Protein backbone atom coordinates (compact mmCIF):
# COMPACT_ATOMS: atom_id res chain seq x y z
CA MET A 1 46.63 127.08 -68.54
CA LYS A 2 43.93 124.84 -69.97
CA ALA A 3 41.44 122.39 -68.53
CA VAL A 4 40.65 119.25 -70.48
CA THR A 5 38.02 116.55 -70.82
CA SER A 6 38.70 112.91 -70.08
CA SER A 7 38.99 112.05 -73.78
CA GLU A 8 41.46 114.90 -74.31
CA MET A 9 43.51 113.69 -71.34
CA LEU A 10 43.57 110.16 -72.71
CA ALA A 11 44.79 111.51 -76.04
CA ILE A 12 47.50 113.53 -74.30
CA GLU A 13 48.72 110.48 -72.38
CA LYS A 14 48.59 108.31 -75.51
CA ARG A 15 50.72 110.85 -77.36
CA ALA A 16 53.25 110.91 -74.52
CA LEU A 17 53.47 107.13 -74.56
CA GLU A 18 53.93 106.99 -78.34
CA GLU A 19 56.21 109.99 -78.94
CA LEU A 20 58.26 110.07 -75.75
CA SER A 21 58.33 106.35 -74.96
CA VAL A 22 57.04 107.15 -71.47
CA ASP A 23 55.24 104.15 -70.01
CA THR A 24 52.14 104.32 -67.85
CA GLY A 25 54.04 102.91 -64.89
CA HIS A 26 56.42 105.88 -64.99
CA LEU A 27 53.52 108.34 -65.03
CA MET A 28 51.95 106.41 -62.16
CA GLU A 29 55.15 106.68 -60.10
CA ARG A 30 55.25 110.46 -60.62
CA ALA A 31 51.57 110.82 -59.75
CA GLY A 32 51.89 108.69 -56.63
CA LYS A 33 54.90 110.66 -55.47
CA ALA A 34 52.90 113.90 -55.85
CA LEU A 35 50.13 112.46 -53.68
CA ALA A 36 52.61 111.32 -51.02
CA ASP A 37 54.33 114.71 -51.04
CA GLU A 38 51.01 116.48 -50.57
CA PHE A 39 50.12 114.18 -47.69
CA ARG A 40 53.41 115.01 -46.01
CA ARG A 41 52.50 118.70 -46.18
CA LEU A 42 49.40 118.20 -44.06
CA PRO A 43 49.64 120.25 -40.85
CA HIS A 44 50.82 118.91 -37.52
CA ALA A 45 53.17 116.27 -38.96
CA LYS A 46 50.43 113.76 -39.83
CA ARG A 47 51.78 110.22 -39.53
CA LYS A 48 48.88 107.81 -40.11
CA ALA A 49 47.48 107.42 -43.62
CA VAL A 50 44.53 105.50 -45.05
CA VAL A 51 44.65 105.08 -48.83
CA VAL A 52 41.43 104.08 -50.58
CA CYS A 53 42.08 102.65 -54.06
CA GLY A 54 39.94 101.71 -57.03
CA LYS A 55 40.79 99.18 -59.72
CA GLY A 56 41.88 101.64 -62.42
CA ASN A 57 45.07 103.63 -62.86
CA ASN A 58 43.84 106.11 -60.25
CA GLY A 59 44.05 103.25 -57.75
CA GLY A 60 47.57 102.57 -58.95
CA ASP A 61 48.50 106.17 -58.12
CA GLY A 62 47.19 105.48 -54.63
CA PHE A 63 49.22 102.30 -54.25
CA VAL A 64 52.40 104.15 -55.23
CA ALA A 65 51.62 106.89 -52.70
CA ALA A 66 51.04 104.27 -50.01
CA ARG A 67 54.40 102.59 -50.74
CA LEU A 68 56.30 105.89 -50.67
CA LEU A 69 54.66 107.03 -47.45
CA ARG A 70 55.51 103.75 -45.74
CA GLU A 71 59.11 103.98 -46.94
CA ALA A 72 59.19 107.47 -45.37
CA GLY A 73 58.13 106.02 -42.02
CA PHE A 74 54.39 106.70 -42.07
CA GLY A 75 51.86 104.25 -40.79
CA VAL A 76 49.79 103.20 -43.81
CA ILE A 77 46.80 100.97 -44.45
CA VAL A 78 45.33 100.37 -47.89
CA PHE A 79 41.73 99.54 -48.76
CA HIS A 80 41.33 98.29 -52.31
CA ALA A 81 38.70 97.37 -54.86
CA ILE A 82 37.79 93.76 -55.38
CA PRO A 83 38.56 91.43 -57.01
CA ILE A 84 42.29 92.11 -57.39
CA ASP A 85 42.24 90.33 -60.75
CA SER A 86 40.09 93.19 -62.10
CA PHE A 87 42.94 95.73 -61.70
CA THR A 88 44.52 97.25 -64.80
CA PRO A 89 47.98 95.76 -65.45
CA ASP A 90 49.88 98.82 -64.23
CA THR A 91 47.67 99.10 -61.16
CA ARG A 92 48.30 95.41 -60.35
CA ARG A 93 52.05 95.96 -60.63
CA ALA A 94 51.84 98.93 -58.25
CA PHE A 95 49.78 96.82 -55.83
CA ASP A 96 52.30 93.98 -55.95
CA ARG A 97 55.12 96.40 -55.01
CA LEU A 98 53.50 97.34 -51.69
CA PRO A 99 55.72 96.50 -48.70
CA GLU A 100 54.70 93.42 -46.75
CA ASP A 101 54.14 95.45 -43.60
CA ILE A 102 51.33 97.49 -45.19
CA ALA A 103 47.96 95.98 -44.35
CA THR A 104 45.77 95.65 -47.45
CA LEU A 105 42.06 95.11 -46.93
CA PRO A 106 39.15 94.90 -49.40
CA LEU A 107 36.77 97.85 -49.50
CA ASP A 108 33.85 95.70 -48.43
CA ARG A 109 35.41 95.50 -44.94
CA LYS A 110 33.34 98.54 -44.03
CA GLU A 111 33.65 98.29 -40.27
CA ASP A 112 37.42 98.09 -40.54
CA LEU A 113 37.39 101.05 -42.93
CA LYS A 114 35.25 103.08 -40.56
CA GLN A 115 37.57 102.38 -37.64
CA ARG A 116 40.77 103.03 -39.56
CA ILE A 117 39.73 106.35 -41.12
CA THR A 118 38.56 107.53 -37.72
CA GLU A 119 42.04 106.85 -36.36
CA ALA A 120 43.86 108.23 -39.43
CA ASP A 121 45.52 111.64 -39.69
CA GLY A 122 44.64 111.85 -43.37
CA ILE A 123 43.00 109.95 -46.24
CA ILE A 124 44.08 109.60 -49.85
CA ASP A 125 41.10 109.14 -52.17
CA ALA A 126 42.18 107.14 -55.23
CA LEU A 127 38.89 105.42 -55.98
CA PHE A 128 38.02 106.93 -59.36
CA GLY A 129 39.97 109.15 -61.71
CA PHE A 130 38.87 111.22 -64.65
CA GLY A 131 37.14 108.24 -66.25
CA LEU A 132 33.97 108.34 -64.14
CA ALA A 133 31.06 108.90 -66.55
CA GLY A 134 28.04 108.91 -64.25
CA GLY A 135 26.94 108.67 -60.68
CA VAL A 136 28.72 106.49 -58.12
CA ARG A 137 26.86 103.30 -57.27
CA GLY A 138 26.97 100.28 -54.98
CA LEU A 139 29.72 99.76 -52.44
CA ALA A 140 31.54 102.95 -53.52
CA VAL A 141 28.63 105.05 -52.21
CA GLU A 142 29.08 103.62 -48.72
CA VAL A 143 32.86 104.05 -48.89
CA ILE A 144 32.53 107.72 -49.86
CA GLU A 145 30.01 108.35 -47.09
CA LEU A 146 32.43 106.85 -44.57
CA VAL A 147 35.30 108.99 -45.90
CA ASN A 148 33.25 112.18 -45.69
CA GLY A 149 31.88 111.28 -42.29
CA ALA A 150 35.32 110.86 -40.75
CA LYS A 151 36.04 114.63 -40.67
CA THR A 152 39.64 113.77 -41.54
CA PRO A 153 41.70 115.71 -44.13
CA VAL A 154 41.23 114.17 -47.59
CA ILE A 155 43.57 114.37 -50.57
CA SER A 156 41.97 113.28 -53.85
CA ALA A 157 43.93 111.89 -56.77
CA ASP A 158 43.25 113.80 -60.00
CA VAL A 159 39.48 114.27 -59.41
CA PRO A 160 37.45 113.77 -56.22
CA SER A 161 35.64 110.45 -56.51
CA GLY A 162 32.10 111.22 -57.62
CA VAL A 163 32.85 114.27 -59.79
CA VAL A 164 32.32 113.75 -63.52
CA ALA A 165 35.55 115.08 -65.03
CA ASP A 166 33.98 116.36 -68.25
CA SER A 167 31.23 118.46 -66.69
CA GLY A 168 31.61 118.91 -62.94
CA LYS A 169 28.35 117.05 -62.39
CA VAL A 170 27.87 115.23 -59.11
CA GLU A 171 25.19 112.57 -59.16
CA GLY A 172 24.86 111.25 -55.64
CA ALA A 173 27.82 110.48 -53.39
CA CYS A 174 31.05 112.43 -53.84
CA VAL A 175 34.25 112.79 -51.84
CA LYS A 176 34.64 116.24 -50.28
CA ALA A 177 38.35 116.82 -50.72
CA ASP A 178 40.51 119.29 -48.86
CA VAL A 179 43.09 119.11 -51.63
CA THR A 180 42.89 117.68 -55.13
CA VAL A 181 46.22 116.79 -56.71
CA THR A 182 45.50 116.81 -60.43
CA PHE A 183 48.06 115.56 -62.90
CA THR A 184 49.44 117.46 -65.92
CA CYS A 185 46.53 119.92 -66.12
CA PRO A 186 43.14 120.55 -64.49
CA LYS A 187 40.14 118.55 -65.61
CA ILE A 188 37.05 120.57 -66.54
CA GLY A 189 35.04 118.98 -63.73
CA LEU A 190 37.37 120.57 -61.18
CA ILE A 191 36.65 124.03 -62.56
CA LEU A 192 32.90 123.95 -63.09
CA TYR A 193 30.33 123.74 -60.32
CA PRO A 194 29.20 121.71 -58.50
CA GLY A 195 32.44 119.74 -58.94
CA ALA A 196 34.56 122.73 -58.01
CA ALA A 197 32.87 122.82 -54.60
CA PHE A 198 34.16 119.30 -53.86
CA ALA A 199 37.74 119.81 -55.06
CA GLY A 200 39.12 121.97 -52.25
CA ARG A 201 42.49 123.48 -53.08
CA ILE A 202 43.66 122.34 -56.51
CA SER A 203 47.33 121.48 -56.96
CA VAL A 204 48.39 120.94 -60.59
CA VAL A 205 51.41 118.64 -60.78
CA ASP A 206 53.79 117.98 -63.66
CA ILE A 207 54.27 114.23 -64.07
CA GLY A 208 56.46 114.41 -67.18
CA ILE A 209 54.07 115.27 -70.03
CA PRO A 210 55.09 118.39 -72.00
CA ARG A 211 52.82 121.40 -71.60
CA SER A 212 52.73 121.75 -75.39
CA PHE A 213 50.80 118.47 -75.60
CA VAL A 214 48.05 120.02 -73.47
CA GLU A 215 48.00 123.26 -75.46
CA GLU A 216 47.67 121.36 -78.73
CA ALA A 217 44.95 119.02 -77.45
CA GLY A 218 42.25 121.68 -77.37
CA GLY A 219 40.62 122.04 -74.02
CA VAL A 220 39.19 125.10 -72.35
CA ASN A 221 41.24 128.16 -71.42
CA LEU A 222 41.35 129.28 -67.80
CA SER A 223 41.65 132.95 -66.92
CA ASP A 224 45.36 133.77 -66.74
CA PRO A 225 46.33 136.89 -64.77
CA ALA A 226 49.67 137.28 -66.56
CA ARG A 227 48.04 137.22 -69.98
CA LEU A 228 45.22 139.52 -68.88
CA LYS A 229 47.66 141.99 -67.36
CA ALA A 230 49.17 142.41 -70.83
CA LEU A 231 45.75 143.53 -72.11
CA LEU A 232 45.51 146.52 -69.77
CA PRO A 233 45.27 149.69 -71.90
CA ASP A 234 48.28 151.98 -72.13
CA TYR A 235 47.60 155.67 -71.58
CA ASP A 236 49.09 158.43 -73.72
CA PRO A 237 50.06 161.57 -71.75
CA MET A 238 48.61 163.65 -74.62
CA GLN A 239 45.19 161.99 -74.72
CA HIS A 240 41.94 163.63 -73.69
CA LYS A 241 38.61 162.20 -72.58
CA TRP A 242 37.36 161.49 -76.08
CA SER A 243 40.60 159.99 -77.36
CA ARG A 244 40.79 157.82 -74.25
CA GLY A 245 37.42 156.32 -75.17
CA GLY A 246 33.77 157.17 -74.74
CA VAL A 247 30.95 154.80 -73.79
CA LEU A 248 27.27 155.50 -74.31
CA VAL A 249 24.90 153.65 -71.98
CA VAL A 250 21.36 153.20 -73.30
CA ALA A 251 19.55 152.01 -70.22
CA GLY A 252 16.94 152.58 -67.56
CA SER A 253 13.19 152.97 -67.23
CA ALA A 254 10.78 153.92 -64.45
CA GLY A 255 11.75 151.91 -61.37
CA MET A 256 14.96 150.65 -63.01
CA GLU A 257 17.02 153.81 -62.86
CA GLY A 258 19.69 152.03 -60.84
CA ALA A 259 20.62 149.81 -63.79
CA ALA A 260 21.74 152.84 -65.80
CA ILE A 261 23.65 154.25 -62.83
CA LEU A 262 25.47 151.00 -62.09
CA THR A 263 26.38 150.44 -65.75
CA ALA A 264 27.83 153.94 -65.96
CA ARG A 265 29.79 153.43 -62.74
CA GLY A 266 31.22 150.17 -64.08
CA ALA A 267 32.36 151.95 -67.24
CA MET A 268 33.92 154.84 -65.34
CA ARG A 269 35.79 152.67 -62.86
CA THR A 270 37.21 150.62 -65.73
CA GLY A 271 38.85 153.64 -67.32
CA ALA A 272 36.48 155.16 -69.88
CA GLY A 273 37.35 158.76 -70.71
CA ILE A 274 33.72 159.84 -70.86
CA VAL A 275 30.42 158.08 -70.25
CA GLY A 276 27.04 159.19 -71.52
CA ILE A 277 23.67 157.91 -70.31
CA ALA A 278 20.73 157.97 -72.73
CA ALA A 279 17.51 157.32 -70.79
CA PRO A 280 13.82 158.25 -70.67
CA SER A 281 13.52 161.93 -69.74
CA SER A 282 11.31 161.36 -66.68
CA ILE A 283 14.00 159.39 -64.80
CA GLU A 284 16.80 161.93 -65.34
CA PRO A 285 16.62 163.41 -61.80
CA VAL A 286 17.29 160.01 -60.21
CA ILE A 287 20.11 159.22 -62.62
CA SER A 288 21.73 162.62 -62.14
CA ALA A 289 21.65 162.17 -58.39
CA GLY A 290 23.23 158.72 -58.69
CA VAL A 291 26.11 159.51 -61.05
CA VAL A 292 27.18 163.11 -61.47
CA GLU A 293 30.12 162.46 -63.82
CA ALA A 294 28.09 161.09 -66.75
CA VAL A 295 26.63 163.17 -69.56
CA LYS A 296 22.85 162.75 -69.70
CA TYR A 297 20.75 162.54 -72.85
CA LEU A 298 17.01 162.80 -72.27
CA LEU A 299 14.94 160.66 -74.60
CA PRO A 300 11.26 160.60 -75.62
CA GLU A 301 9.41 157.85 -73.78
CA THR A 302 6.45 155.54 -73.96
CA SER A 303 3.44 155.67 -71.68
CA SER A 304 5.16 153.10 -69.44
CA HIS A 305 8.30 155.29 -69.29
CA GLY A 306 10.47 153.22 -71.57
CA ILE A 307 12.37 154.62 -74.55
CA SER A 308 10.07 155.33 -77.50
CA MET A 309 10.74 155.02 -81.24
CA GLU A 310 10.97 158.79 -81.44
CA ALA A 311 14.31 158.47 -79.68
CA VAL A 312 16.03 156.58 -82.52
CA GLU A 313 16.94 159.71 -84.49
CA THR A 314 18.28 161.43 -81.34
CA LEU A 315 20.34 158.39 -80.43
CA GLY A 316 21.80 158.16 -83.92
CA ALA A 317 23.17 161.68 -83.61
CA VAL A 318 24.39 161.22 -80.03
CA MET A 319 26.31 158.03 -80.76
CA ASP A 320 28.58 159.61 -83.32
CA ARG A 321 31.35 160.53 -80.85
CA TYR A 322 31.18 157.38 -78.71
CA ARG A 323 33.30 154.34 -79.54
CA SER A 324 31.13 151.73 -77.86
CA VAL A 325 27.54 151.42 -76.73
CA VAL A 326 26.01 149.40 -73.89
CA ILE A 327 22.36 148.68 -74.54
CA GLY A 328 19.80 147.02 -72.32
CA PRO A 329 20.18 147.30 -68.53
CA GLY A 330 16.83 148.19 -66.99
CA LEU A 331 15.21 149.16 -70.33
CA SER A 332 11.99 147.23 -69.51
CA ARG A 333 10.18 144.78 -71.77
CA ASP A 334 8.07 147.48 -73.37
CA LYS A 335 7.38 146.32 -76.95
CA GLU A 336 8.19 149.71 -78.44
CA THR A 337 11.47 149.88 -76.53
CA ALA A 338 12.35 146.45 -77.92
CA GLN A 339 11.85 147.89 -81.41
CA VAL A 340 14.28 150.67 -80.52
CA VAL A 341 16.90 148.09 -79.51
CA ARG A 342 16.54 146.18 -82.76
CA GLY A 343 16.69 149.40 -84.77
CA LEU A 344 19.89 150.50 -83.06
CA LEU A 345 21.70 147.25 -83.77
CA VAL A 346 20.79 147.37 -87.43
CA ASN A 347 21.65 151.02 -87.98
CA ILE A 348 24.70 151.95 -85.88
CA ALA A 349 28.26 151.03 -86.79
CA LYS A 350 29.53 150.79 -83.21
CA ASP A 351 30.86 148.02 -81.00
CA ILE A 352 27.93 147.03 -78.79
CA VAL A 353 27.44 145.28 -75.47
CA LEU A 354 23.91 143.88 -75.29
CA ASP A 355 22.57 142.92 -71.88
CA ALA A 356 19.39 142.29 -69.89
CA ASP A 357 16.29 143.72 -71.61
CA GLY A 358 18.36 144.32 -74.73
CA LEU A 359 18.70 140.54 -74.95
CA ASN A 360 15.02 140.01 -74.22
CA ALA A 361 14.23 142.02 -77.37
CA TYR A 362 15.61 139.02 -79.30
CA ALA A 363 13.95 136.20 -77.33
CA GLY A 364 13.66 133.15 -79.57
CA GLU A 365 15.34 135.04 -82.42
CA ILE A 366 19.04 134.84 -81.65
CA GLU A 367 19.93 134.56 -85.35
CA ARG A 368 18.71 138.14 -85.85
CA LEU A 369 21.63 139.38 -83.78
CA THR A 370 23.74 138.98 -86.93
CA GLU A 371 21.73 141.87 -88.44
CA ARG A 372 24.10 144.55 -87.26
CA GLN A 373 26.98 146.73 -88.43
CA GLY A 374 29.37 146.61 -85.46
CA GLU A 375 30.99 143.96 -83.28
CA LEU A 376 28.82 142.46 -80.56
CA VAL A 377 29.25 141.13 -77.02
CA ILE A 378 26.20 139.66 -75.30
CA THR A 379 26.18 139.05 -71.53
CA PRO A 380 23.31 136.70 -70.65
CA HIS A 381 22.79 134.65 -67.53
CA ALA A 382 21.42 131.14 -68.05
CA GLY A 383 17.78 132.27 -68.10
CA GLU A 384 18.42 134.99 -70.68
CA LEU A 385 20.44 132.67 -72.90
CA GLY A 386 17.67 130.11 -72.60
CA ARG A 387 15.14 132.70 -73.82
CA LEU A 388 17.40 133.63 -76.73
CA LEU A 389 17.82 130.02 -77.81
CA GLY A 390 14.32 128.87 -76.94
CA VAL A 391 15.45 126.24 -74.42
CA GLU A 392 14.88 125.74 -70.71
CA THR A 393 17.21 127.37 -68.20
CA ALA A 394 18.05 123.95 -66.77
CA GLU A 395 19.41 122.85 -70.14
CA ILE A 396 21.76 125.84 -70.24
CA GLU A 397 22.93 125.14 -66.68
CA ASN A 398 23.51 121.51 -67.60
CA ASP A 399 25.88 122.36 -70.46
CA GLY A 400 26.99 125.96 -70.15
CA LEU A 401 30.15 125.44 -72.20
CA GLY A 402 28.29 123.88 -75.09
CA PHE A 403 25.50 126.45 -75.21
CA ALA A 404 27.92 129.39 -74.89
CA ARG A 405 29.89 128.03 -77.85
CA ARG A 406 26.71 127.50 -79.84
CA ALA A 407 25.45 131.02 -79.14
CA ALA A 408 28.79 132.57 -80.14
CA GLU A 409 28.59 130.75 -83.46
CA LEU A 410 25.00 131.87 -84.04
CA ILE A 411 25.63 135.56 -83.35
CA ARG A 412 29.13 135.58 -84.88
CA GLY A 413 30.34 137.49 -81.86
CA THR A 414 31.34 137.12 -78.21
CA VAL A 415 29.17 135.54 -75.52
CA VAL A 416 29.69 136.03 -71.79
CA LEU A 417 27.56 133.42 -70.03
CA LYS A 418 27.40 134.72 -66.47
CA GLY A 419 27.35 132.32 -63.55
CA ALA A 420 29.36 130.79 -60.74
CA ARG A 421 32.07 130.20 -63.33
CA SER A 422 31.43 132.71 -66.09
CA VAL A 423 32.26 131.48 -69.59
CA ILE A 424 33.55 133.65 -72.42
CA ALA A 425 32.98 132.16 -75.88
CA PHE A 426 34.41 133.57 -79.10
CA GLU A 427 34.81 131.68 -82.36
CA ASN A 428 36.44 128.36 -81.40
CA ASP A 429 37.75 129.51 -78.02
CA LEU A 430 36.17 129.01 -74.61
CA THR A 431 37.55 130.62 -71.47
CA VAL A 432 36.35 129.91 -67.94
CA ASN A 433 36.86 132.74 -65.46
CA LEU A 434 38.16 131.77 -62.02
CA THR A 435 37.48 134.95 -60.04
CA GLY A 436 34.26 135.79 -58.19
CA ASN A 437 32.24 134.42 -55.30
CA PRO A 438 28.62 133.69 -54.25
CA GLY A 439 28.26 137.12 -52.65
CA MET A 440 28.08 138.54 -56.17
CA ALA A 441 24.74 136.83 -56.78
CA THR A 442 22.86 140.06 -56.12
CA ALA A 443 20.95 142.55 -58.23
CA GLY A 444 23.00 144.97 -60.30
CA THR A 445 26.35 143.19 -60.45
CA GLY A 446 25.74 142.31 -64.10
CA ASP A 447 25.19 145.99 -64.90
CA ILE A 448 28.63 146.82 -63.52
CA LEU A 449 30.09 144.11 -65.77
CA SER A 450 28.37 145.39 -68.91
CA GLY A 451 29.73 148.85 -68.29
CA ALA A 452 33.22 147.48 -67.73
CA ILE A 453 33.19 145.54 -71.01
CA GLY A 454 31.94 148.58 -72.91
CA SER A 455 34.66 150.71 -71.32
CA LEU A 456 37.50 148.38 -72.31
CA MET A 457 36.14 148.13 -75.85
CA ALA A 458 36.08 151.93 -76.02
CA GLN A 459 39.73 151.96 -74.94
CA GLY A 460 40.73 149.84 -77.91
CA LEU A 461 40.52 146.21 -76.81
CA ALA A 462 39.00 143.66 -79.16
CA PRO A 463 35.52 142.66 -77.96
CA HIS A 464 36.52 139.18 -76.77
CA GLU A 465 39.60 140.57 -75.01
CA ALA A 466 37.53 143.28 -73.35
CA ALA A 467 35.07 140.63 -72.20
CA GLU A 468 37.77 138.37 -70.70
CA LEU A 469 39.56 141.20 -68.91
CA ALA A 470 36.35 142.80 -67.63
CA VAL A 471 34.96 139.50 -66.32
CA TYR A 472 38.22 138.79 -64.50
CA LEU A 473 38.46 142.27 -62.93
CA HIS A 474 34.76 142.22 -62.05
CA GLY A 475 35.16 138.91 -60.21
CA LEU A 476 38.39 140.02 -58.57
CA ALA A 477 36.69 143.20 -57.32
CA GLY A 478 33.99 140.95 -55.89
CA ASP A 479 36.58 138.80 -54.13
CA ILE A 480 38.28 141.84 -52.62
CA ALA A 481 34.91 143.26 -51.60
CA ALA A 482 33.97 139.97 -49.91
CA GLU A 483 37.25 139.95 -47.98
CA ASN A 484 36.47 143.43 -46.66
CA LEU A 485 32.69 143.29 -46.28
CA THR A 486 31.88 139.54 -46.22
CA GLN A 487 29.84 137.82 -48.90
CA TYR A 488 26.70 138.48 -46.87
CA SER A 489 26.99 142.26 -47.15
CA LEU A 490 28.27 142.62 -50.71
CA MET A 491 26.23 144.92 -52.99
CA ALA A 492 26.61 145.80 -56.66
CA ASN A 493 27.95 149.28 -55.92
CA ASP A 494 30.74 147.68 -53.90
CA LEU A 495 32.14 146.16 -57.09
CA SER A 496 32.68 149.57 -58.66
CA ASP A 497 34.21 150.80 -55.40
CA PHE A 498 36.69 147.91 -55.30
CA LEU A 499 37.56 147.88 -59.01
CA PRO A 500 40.57 150.17 -58.29
CA GLU A 501 41.94 147.53 -55.90
CA ALA A 502 41.34 144.86 -58.54
CA PHE A 503 43.33 146.85 -61.09
CA LYS A 504 46.16 147.30 -58.59
CA LYS A 505 46.25 143.60 -57.77
CA LEU A 506 46.35 142.63 -61.44
CA MET A 507 49.05 145.22 -62.18
CA GLU A 508 51.19 143.71 -59.40
CA THR A 509 50.87 140.19 -60.83
């Protein structure tokens, strides 16, 4: 499934009108029926509906829903934008078809609105659709505040009023929906935060536009369990640990031993046949105590207990048998260690996952990441990507999709921009991952992810496929962990412990 921008949705609808001779009124009827059907599914046989309608086609969807609910015996009252002459033609036709026994009141009758929504069993929000470009202003702000203040179930049409469909931005007032019935396909603003937090449960409804129109329009991919299940590696009964796939983790420094341990655990739990940890020699006892299954390689170190340049030759020999390498977690920002990172990328012909301090070695010099022999996946959070690109973190957070795409082009590789909705960018494709929860915002979870990506690459997946599958499983493990432990108590190690359950759940899809 894909999510689209408002301009892409308009193009999809235009194509349907031109190629299929489907008129807007027909689409409006289908959309309104979907809203009415969803209202009828509200618990406890809800019978009183308030429908709040804007002047655009979204309002027309609301008018159709109001008519169908009344015909089904529901008590319905409609509040509409003013003046009526400002309605789009199709919206005006839907308004004119309302039964005479439906009361229709202008939205500026705020006291009436307040009373009616307090008495209602449910509200349909059809104020704005996917065309909202900025913040809500004027009378609509007061209307939205009344809707939210009623503590009554709310069903939003297409996009909750106040969410910018192209970005998920919320500038000021916004309807807090219990359910959003979105037509044809999700809009990007429903997927990205903060908009996703206002959407409630998302119901995607077919209103008669072929799915192929959406697929051909562009858009952003959403993580698809069925497709990701097909990427799971197949195991050969005759394989051994090296043929199954080895991952070398170059990580850790004094005080950051846990990063190496967590990365190795992520790789092991994701199926690697063998995992090696190359780390400064002085921290070996801590690493050995934390992960007994990994092979340890003790490296020369700097005075601050980071990896020194003397280690490059050792690492070159060690890497020969490993298929993929994870570089960066907990390495420190030691200048000499940063030189080691840059030297490894230039000189080793391996698929590499670069994370954390490995990324910091290229701060402001992202173009240099093309100076390498193997394929590359980088896994920055917004701050790290900002340092790579030389822009403020807030800019990255404001346009994560755009900056992830830009970074993927610059490095000619795969970018995993970690966040509330992690984004995987590769060539012209963007995928938004839908698993995960706020409990995962804790130290070390990114290390587990880096290890998981490296593991799947070692088992033969293409870098972008390994990234998509690992991000999905990582988030799913977090969701299962939160169900068992609560989001409050979730720790990074819990993700590796629940990865087996995540695999099982995906396999059963």
